[in-house]
């Protein structure tokens, strides 16, 4: 089964649905395919609104990628669905807990900088294989 990525100047993104009973969340999100990230994570921007992180569990160790590490918070019982090339949604995986990436603050402008939601190596190479072709990028089970 194949999942075709949308290629943009910012990277290759895969359309997904994410559900989480903890937040009554059912949302369409584009995940950046990130081979440099050890884990998949949800951007707080994709949850929408201002988030009070005091009610979240903090991940005991930082999320690590090629660009460095980042503190993250945990959301629980998350289901990830991907849109197939045959135009069907399938449940890809369930996370007991998934990282929620808070925004960083630009020290110069004092503005928030949001990272995208990412699919990392906990899915890439384990559940999904990644293929680069001349004219497209796709994932396959």
N, C-alpha and C. Protein backbone atom coordinates (compact mmCIF):
# COMPACT_ATOMS: atom_id res chain seq x y z
N UNK A 1 0.85 -1.18 0.00
CA UNK A 1 0.00 0.00 0.00
C UNK A 1 0.89 1.24 0.00
N UNK A 2 0.57 2.20 -0.85
CA UNK A 2 1.40 3.39 -1.00
C UNK A 2 0.71 4.65 -0.48
N UNK A 3 1.56 5.57 0.00
CA UNK A 3 1.12 6.88 0.48
C UNK A 3 2.01 7.92 -0.18
N UNK A 4 1.43 8.73 -1.06
CA UNK A 4 2.23 9.69 -1.82
C UNK A 4 2.41 10.99 -1.03
N UNK A 5 3.63 11.49 -1.02
CA UNK A 5 3.95 12.74 -0.32
C UNK A 5 3.66 13.93 -1.22
N UNK A 6 3.35 15.05 -0.58
CA UNK A 6 3.21 16.32 -1.29
C UNK A 6 4.54 17.05 -1.15
N UNK A 7 5.15 17.35 -2.28
CA UNK A 7 6.47 17.98 -2.26
C UNK A 7 6.31 19.49 -2.32
N UNK A 8 6.95 20.19 -1.37
CA UNK A 8 6.91 21.65 -1.30
C UNK A 8 8.35 22.16 -1.17
N UNK A 9 8.56 23.46 -1.28
CA UNK A 9 9.92 23.99 -1.05
C UNK A 9 10.43 23.71 0.38
N UNK A 10 9.51 23.48 1.33
CA UNK A 10 9.90 23.23 2.72
C UNK A 10 10.13 21.76 3.02
N UNK A 11 9.84 20.86 2.09
CA UNK A 11 10.04 19.45 2.33
C UNK A 11 8.90 18.62 1.78
N UNK A 12 8.94 17.32 2.08
CA UNK A 12 7.90 16.39 1.64
C UNK A 12 6.95 16.15 2.81
N UNK A 13 5.67 16.33 2.55
CA UNK A 13 4.65 16.19 3.59
C UNK A 13 3.66 15.10 3.22
N UNK A 14 3.19 14.38 4.23
CA UNK A 14 2.22 13.32 4.02
C UNK A 14 0.92 13.72 4.70
N UNK A 15 -0.22 13.65 3.98
CA UNK A 15 -1.49 14.00 4.61
C UNK A 15 -1.92 12.91 5.58
N UNK A 16 -2.43 13.32 6.72
CA UNK A 16 -2.81 12.36 7.76
C UNK A 16 -4.02 12.88 8.54
N UNK A 17 -4.67 11.95 9.21
CA UNK A 17 -5.69 12.29 10.20
C UNK A 17 -5.14 11.83 11.54
N UNK A 18 -5.40 12.60 12.56
CA UNK A 18 -4.96 12.22 13.89
C UNK A 18 -6.15 12.34 14.83
N UNK A 19 -6.31 11.34 15.69
CA UNK A 19 -7.37 11.39 16.70
C UNK A 19 -6.75 11.18 18.07
N UNK A 20 -7.36 11.81 19.06
CA UNK A 20 -6.90 11.68 20.44
C UNK A 20 -8.09 11.98 21.35
N UNK A 21 -8.52 10.98 22.09
CA UNK A 21 -9.67 11.16 22.99
C UNK A 21 -9.37 12.14 24.12
N UNK A 22 -8.11 12.26 24.49
CA UNK A 22 -7.70 13.15 25.58
C UNK A 22 -8.13 14.60 25.29
N UNK A 23 -8.17 14.97 24.00
CA UNK A 23 -8.52 16.34 23.62
C UNK A 23 -9.75 16.42 22.74
N UNK A 24 -10.48 15.31 22.59
CA UNK A 24 -11.57 15.26 21.61
C UNK A 24 -11.05 15.75 20.27
N UNK A 25 -9.89 15.27 19.90
CA UNK A 25 -9.19 15.74 18.71
C UNK A 25 -9.46 14.82 17.53
N UNK A 26 -9.85 15.41 16.42
CA UNK A 26 -9.98 14.73 15.13
C UNK A 26 -9.57 15.77 14.11
N UNK A 27 -8.35 15.66 13.61
CA UNK A 27 -7.82 16.75 12.81
C UNK A 27 -7.04 16.24 11.60
N UNK A 28 -7.19 16.95 10.48
CA UNK A 28 -6.40 16.69 9.28
C UNK A 28 -5.10 17.48 9.41
N UNK A 29 -3.98 16.80 9.27
CA UNK A 29 -2.67 17.42 9.48
C UNK A 29 -1.71 16.93 8.39
N UNK A 30 -0.80 17.79 7.99
CA UNK A 30 0.29 17.37 7.10
C UNK A 30 1.53 17.16 7.96
N UNK A 31 2.10 15.96 7.88
CA UNK A 31 3.31 15.62 8.61
C UNK A 31 4.52 15.70 7.68
N UNK A 32 5.57 16.40 8.14
CA UNK A 32 6.83 16.46 7.41
C UNK A 32 7.52 15.10 7.54
N UNK A 33 7.99 14.56 6.44
CA UNK A 33 8.77 13.32 6.48
C UNK A 33 10.18 13.72 6.90
N UNK A 34 10.59 13.29 8.11
CA UNK A 34 11.84 13.75 8.71
C UNK A 34 12.72 12.56 9.07
N UNK A 35 13.63 12.21 8.17
CA UNK A 35 14.52 11.07 8.42
C UNK A 35 15.57 11.37 9.48
N UNK A 36 15.72 12.63 9.88
CA UNK A 36 16.68 13.00 10.91
C UNK A 36 16.11 12.96 12.31
N UNK A 37 14.81 12.74 12.44
CA UNK A 37 14.18 12.72 13.76
C UNK A 37 14.00 11.29 14.25
N UNK A 38 14.36 11.04 15.50
CA UNK A 38 14.22 9.71 16.08
C UNK A 38 12.75 9.35 16.31
N UNK A 39 11.90 10.35 16.52
CA UNK A 39 10.50 10.09 16.86
C UNK A 39 9.56 10.93 16.00
N UNK A 40 8.32 10.47 15.92
CA UNK A 40 7.26 11.26 15.31
C UNK A 40 6.68 12.17 16.37
N UNK A 41 6.24 13.35 15.97
CA UNK A 41 5.75 14.32 16.94
C UNK A 41 4.70 15.22 16.31
N UNK A 42 3.83 15.74 17.15
CA UNK A 42 2.75 16.63 16.74
C UNK A 42 3.11 18.06 17.12
N UNK A 43 2.99 18.97 16.16
CA UNK A 43 3.24 20.38 16.43
C UNK A 43 2.07 20.97 17.21
N UNK A 44 2.38 21.78 18.21
CA UNK A 44 1.31 22.43 18.97
C UNK A 44 0.50 23.36 18.07
N UNK A 45 1.09 23.84 16.99
CA UNK A 45 0.36 24.69 16.05
C UNK A 45 -0.81 23.93 15.42
N UNK A 46 -0.61 22.63 15.19
CA UNK A 46 -1.67 21.82 14.59
C UNK A 46 -2.82 21.53 15.54
N UNK A 47 -2.61 21.72 16.84
CA UNK A 47 -3.72 21.60 17.79
C UNK A 47 -4.57 22.86 17.79
N UNK A 48 -3.96 23.98 17.44
CA UNK A 48 -4.68 25.25 17.37
C UNK A 48 -4.85 25.89 18.74
N UNK A 49 -4.94 27.21 18.76
CA UNK A 49 -5.19 27.94 20.00
C UNK A 49 -3.98 27.98 20.92
N UNK A 50 -4.13 28.71 22.02
CA UNK A 50 -3.08 28.76 23.04
C UNK A 50 -3.20 27.53 23.92
N UNK A 51 -2.09 26.94 24.24
CA UNK A 51 -2.08 25.70 25.01
C UNK A 51 -1.42 25.95 26.35
N UNK A 52 -2.07 25.48 27.41
CA UNK A 52 -1.52 25.53 28.76
C UNK A 52 -0.79 24.21 28.99
N UNK A 53 0.54 24.24 28.96
CA UNK A 53 1.33 23.02 29.06
C UNK A 53 1.43 22.48 30.48
N UNK A 54 0.95 23.21 31.47
CA UNK A 54 1.07 22.76 32.87
C UNK A 54 0.30 21.47 33.13
N UNK A 55 -0.72 21.18 32.32
CA UNK A 55 -1.51 19.97 32.55
C UNK A 55 -0.94 18.75 31.80
N UNK A 56 0.11 18.94 31.03
CA UNK A 56 0.70 17.85 30.26
C UNK A 56 1.84 17.19 31.02
N UNK A 57 2.02 15.89 30.79
CA UNK A 57 3.22 15.20 31.26
C UNK A 57 4.37 15.66 30.39
N UNK A 58 5.52 15.88 31.01
CA UNK A 58 6.72 16.25 30.26
C UNK A 58 7.49 14.97 29.94
N UNK A 59 7.97 14.86 28.71
CA UNK A 59 8.77 13.70 28.33
C UNK A 59 10.07 13.73 29.12
N UNK A 60 10.46 12.58 29.67
CA UNK A 60 11.63 12.53 30.56
C UNK A 60 12.93 12.88 29.84
N UNK A 61 13.05 12.52 28.57
CA UNK A 61 14.24 12.92 27.82
C UNK A 61 13.80 13.75 26.62
N UNK A 62 14.71 14.57 26.13
CA UNK A 62 14.39 15.47 25.02
C UNK A 62 14.19 14.68 23.73
N UNK A 63 13.40 15.23 22.83
CA UNK A 63 13.26 14.67 21.48
C UNK A 63 14.54 15.00 20.73
N UNK A 64 15.14 13.99 20.10
CA UNK A 64 16.45 14.19 19.47
C UNK A 64 16.33 14.02 17.96
N UNK A 65 16.97 14.93 17.24
CA UNK A 65 17.04 14.86 15.78
C UNK A 65 18.40 15.36 15.34
N UNK A 66 18.62 15.40 14.04
CA UNK A 66 19.91 15.86 13.51
C UNK A 66 20.14 17.32 13.88
N UNK A 67 19.07 18.12 13.93
CA UNK A 67 19.20 19.54 14.25
C UNK A 67 19.42 19.83 15.72
N UNK A 68 19.35 18.82 16.57
CA UNK A 68 19.54 19.03 18.00
C UNK A 68 18.45 18.34 18.79
N UNK A 69 18.17 18.86 19.97
CA UNK A 69 17.14 18.26 20.82
C UNK A 69 16.14 19.33 21.25
N UNK A 70 14.97 18.87 21.69
CA UNK A 70 13.90 19.78 22.04
C UNK A 70 13.06 19.16 23.14
N UNK A 71 12.74 19.95 24.15
CA UNK A 71 11.82 19.48 25.19
C UNK A 71 10.46 19.26 24.57
N UNK A 72 9.77 18.22 25.00
CA UNK A 72 8.42 18.04 24.49
C UNK A 72 7.52 17.49 25.59
N UNK A 73 6.24 17.58 25.33
CA UNK A 73 5.20 17.14 26.25
C UNK A 73 4.50 15.94 25.63
N UNK A 74 3.76 15.20 26.44
CA UNK A 74 3.14 13.98 25.95
C UNK A 74 1.63 14.11 25.86
N UNK A 75 1.09 13.61 24.75
CA UNK A 75 -0.35 13.41 24.64
C UNK A 75 -0.55 11.90 24.50
N UNK A 76 -1.66 11.41 24.97
CA UNK A 76 -1.84 9.96 25.10
C UNK A 76 -2.94 9.42 24.20
N UNK A 77 -2.79 8.13 23.89
CA UNK A 77 -3.77 7.39 23.08
C UNK A 77 -4.09 8.10 21.77
N UNK A 78 -3.07 8.23 20.95
CA UNK A 78 -3.18 8.91 19.66
C UNK A 78 -3.25 7.86 18.55
N UNK A 79 -4.17 8.06 17.61
CA UNK A 79 -4.27 7.20 16.43
C UNK A 79 -3.88 8.02 15.21
N UNK A 80 -3.08 7.41 14.34
CA UNK A 80 -2.61 8.07 13.13
C UNK A 80 -3.16 7.32 11.91
N UNK A 81 -3.87 8.05 11.05
CA UNK A 81 -4.43 7.50 9.82
C UNK A 81 -3.74 8.18 8.63
N UNK A 82 -3.43 7.41 7.60
CA UNK A 82 -2.84 7.97 6.38
C UNK A 82 -3.77 7.74 5.20
N UNK A 83 -3.68 8.64 4.22
CA UNK A 83 -4.49 8.60 3.01
C UNK A 83 -3.72 7.84 1.94
N UNK A 84 -4.28 6.75 1.47
CA UNK A 84 -3.57 5.90 0.51
C UNK A 84 -3.65 6.48 -0.91
N UNK A 85 -2.78 5.97 -1.77
CA UNK A 85 -2.81 6.35 -3.19
C UNK A 85 -4.13 5.92 -3.83
N UNK A 86 -4.79 4.93 -3.23
CA UNK A 86 -6.10 4.46 -3.71
C UNK A 86 -7.25 5.28 -3.14
N UNK A 87 -6.91 6.36 -2.45
CA UNK A 87 -7.86 7.32 -1.88
C UNK A 87 -8.74 6.72 -0.77
N UNK A 88 -8.10 5.99 0.13
CA UNK A 88 -8.75 5.47 1.33
C UNK A 88 -7.94 5.88 2.55
N UNK A 89 -8.61 6.08 3.67
CA UNK A 89 -7.91 6.32 4.94
C UNK A 89 -7.72 4.99 5.63
N UNK A 90 -6.49 4.73 6.11
CA UNK A 90 -6.26 3.52 6.91
C UNK A 90 -5.55 3.92 8.20
N UNK A 91 -5.87 3.18 9.26
CA UNK A 91 -5.19 3.41 10.53
C UNK A 91 -3.80 2.81 10.43
N UNK A 92 -2.79 3.67 10.53
CA UNK A 92 -1.41 3.22 10.41
C UNK A 92 -0.87 2.69 11.73
N UNK A 93 -1.07 3.46 12.79
CA UNK A 93 -0.52 3.07 14.09
C UNK A 93 -1.24 3.78 15.22
N UNK A 94 -1.04 3.26 16.41
CA UNK A 94 -1.54 3.90 17.64
C UNK A 94 -0.34 4.16 18.54
N UNK A 95 -0.33 5.34 19.11
CA UNK A 95 0.73 5.70 20.05
C UNK A 95 0.14 5.70 21.45
N UNK A 96 0.76 4.98 22.39
CA UNK A 96 0.35 5.12 23.79
C UNK A 96 0.56 6.56 24.22
N UNK A 97 1.69 7.12 23.78
CA UNK A 97 1.95 8.54 24.00
C UNK A 97 2.74 9.07 22.81
N UNK A 98 2.49 10.33 22.48
CA UNK A 98 3.16 10.98 21.35
C UNK A 98 3.65 12.34 21.83
N UNK A 99 4.79 12.76 21.30
CA UNK A 99 5.34 14.07 21.69
C UNK A 99 4.53 15.20 21.08
N UNK A 100 4.32 16.22 21.89
CA UNK A 100 3.72 17.47 21.45
C UNK A 100 4.82 18.52 21.51
N UNK A 101 5.13 19.11 20.37
CA UNK A 101 6.23 20.07 20.28
C UNK A 101 5.73 21.48 20.56
N UNK A 102 6.20 22.11 21.64
CA UNK A 102 5.80 23.49 21.92
C UNK A 102 6.56 24.44 20.99
N UNK A 103 6.09 25.67 20.84
CA UNK A 103 6.83 26.63 20.01
C UNK A 103 8.10 27.07 20.72
N UNK A 104 9.08 27.48 19.93
CA UNK A 104 10.27 28.14 20.46
C UNK A 104 10.03 29.64 20.38
N UNK A 105 10.82 30.41 21.10
CA UNK A 105 10.71 31.87 21.04
C UNK A 105 11.96 32.43 20.39
N UNK A 106 11.77 33.22 19.34
CA UNK A 106 12.88 33.90 18.68
C UNK A 106 13.36 34.99 19.63
N UNK A 107 14.62 34.91 20.07
CA UNK A 107 15.14 35.85 21.06
C UNK A 107 15.22 37.29 20.54
N UNK A 108 15.39 37.46 19.23
CA UNK A 108 15.48 38.79 18.64
C UNK A 108 14.11 39.46 18.52
N UNK A 109 13.17 38.74 17.93
CA UNK A 109 11.86 39.34 17.65
C UNK A 109 10.81 39.01 18.70
N UNK A 110 11.12 38.07 19.59
CA UNK A 110 10.19 37.62 20.65
C UNK A 110 8.92 36.98 20.07
N UNK A 111 9.01 36.47 18.84
CA UNK A 111 7.87 35.80 18.23
C UNK A 111 8.00 34.29 18.39
N UNK A 112 6.86 33.61 18.28
CA UNK A 112 6.85 32.15 18.38
C UNK A 112 7.28 31.54 17.05
N UNK A 113 8.06 30.49 17.15
CA UNK A 113 8.48 29.72 15.99
C UNK A 113 7.95 28.31 16.18
N UNK A 114 7.12 27.87 15.25
CA UNK A 114 6.53 26.54 15.34
C UNK A 114 7.24 25.57 14.40
N UNK A 115 7.59 24.41 14.92
CA UNK A 115 8.09 23.33 14.08
C UNK A 115 6.89 22.61 13.48
N UNK A 116 7.05 21.97 12.33
CA UNK A 116 5.93 21.21 11.77
C UNK A 116 5.74 19.89 12.52
N UNK A 117 4.57 19.29 12.37
CA UNK A 117 4.39 17.92 12.83
C UNK A 117 5.27 17.04 11.96
N UNK A 118 5.86 16.01 12.56
CA UNK A 118 6.84 15.20 11.82
C UNK A 118 6.58 13.71 11.96
N UNK A 119 6.89 12.99 10.91
CA UNK A 119 6.95 11.53 10.95
C UNK A 119 8.43 11.20 10.95
N UNK A 120 8.87 10.53 12.02
CA UNK A 120 10.28 10.23 12.21
C UNK A 120 10.61 8.76 12.04
N UNK A 121 11.80 8.40 12.51
CA UNK A 121 12.31 7.04 12.32
C UNK A 121 11.61 5.98 13.16
N UNK A 122 10.76 6.37 14.11
CA UNK A 122 9.98 5.35 14.81
C UNK A 122 8.93 4.74 13.88
N UNK A 123 8.61 5.43 12.78
CA UNK A 123 7.69 4.92 11.76
C UNK A 123 8.45 4.62 10.47
N UNK A 124 9.32 5.54 10.06
CA UNK A 124 10.09 5.35 8.82
C UNK A 124 11.10 4.22 9.01
N UNK A 125 11.07 3.24 8.14
CA UNK A 125 12.00 2.12 8.23
C UNK A 125 11.52 1.01 9.14
N UNK A 126 10.46 1.26 9.92
CA UNK A 126 9.90 0.20 10.76
C UNK A 126 8.51 -0.19 10.26
N UNK A 127 7.60 0.77 10.20
CA UNK A 127 6.25 0.51 9.68
C UNK A 127 6.18 0.85 8.19
N UNK A 128 6.83 1.94 7.82
CA UNK A 128 6.79 2.42 6.44
C UNK A 128 8.20 2.50 5.85
N UNK A 129 8.30 2.15 4.58
CA UNK A 129 9.55 2.35 3.84
C UNK A 129 9.40 3.61 3.01
N UNK A 130 10.49 4.35 2.88
CA UNK A 130 10.50 5.63 2.15
C UNK A 130 11.19 5.44 0.81
N UNK A 131 10.55 5.94 -0.26
CA UNK A 131 11.10 5.83 -1.62
C UNK A 131 11.17 7.20 -2.26
N UNK A 132 12.32 7.50 -2.86
CA UNK A 132 12.53 8.73 -3.61
C UNK A 132 12.63 8.36 -5.08
N UNK A 133 11.76 8.92 -5.90
CA UNK A 133 11.85 8.76 -7.34
C UNK A 133 12.13 10.12 -7.96
N UNK A 134 12.38 10.14 -9.25
CA UNK A 134 12.70 11.39 -9.93
C UNK A 134 11.59 12.42 -9.76
N UNK A 135 10.33 11.98 -9.86
CA UNK A 135 9.21 12.92 -9.85
C UNK A 135 8.29 12.81 -8.64
N UNK A 136 8.60 11.90 -7.70
CA UNK A 136 7.74 11.80 -6.52
C UNK A 136 8.45 11.11 -5.36
N UNK A 137 7.88 11.32 -4.19
CA UNK A 137 8.33 10.66 -2.96
C UNK A 137 7.11 9.95 -2.40
N UNK A 138 7.30 8.71 -1.98
CA UNK A 138 6.17 8.01 -1.39
C UNK A 138 6.63 7.07 -0.28
N UNK A 139 5.67 6.72 0.57
CA UNK A 139 5.87 5.76 1.65
C UNK A 139 5.10 4.50 1.29
N UNK A 140 5.57 3.37 1.80
CA UNK A 140 4.90 2.11 1.48
C UNK A 140 4.95 1.17 2.68
N UNK A 141 3.85 0.47 2.88
CA UNK A 141 3.81 -0.56 3.94
C UNK A 141 4.44 -1.82 3.38
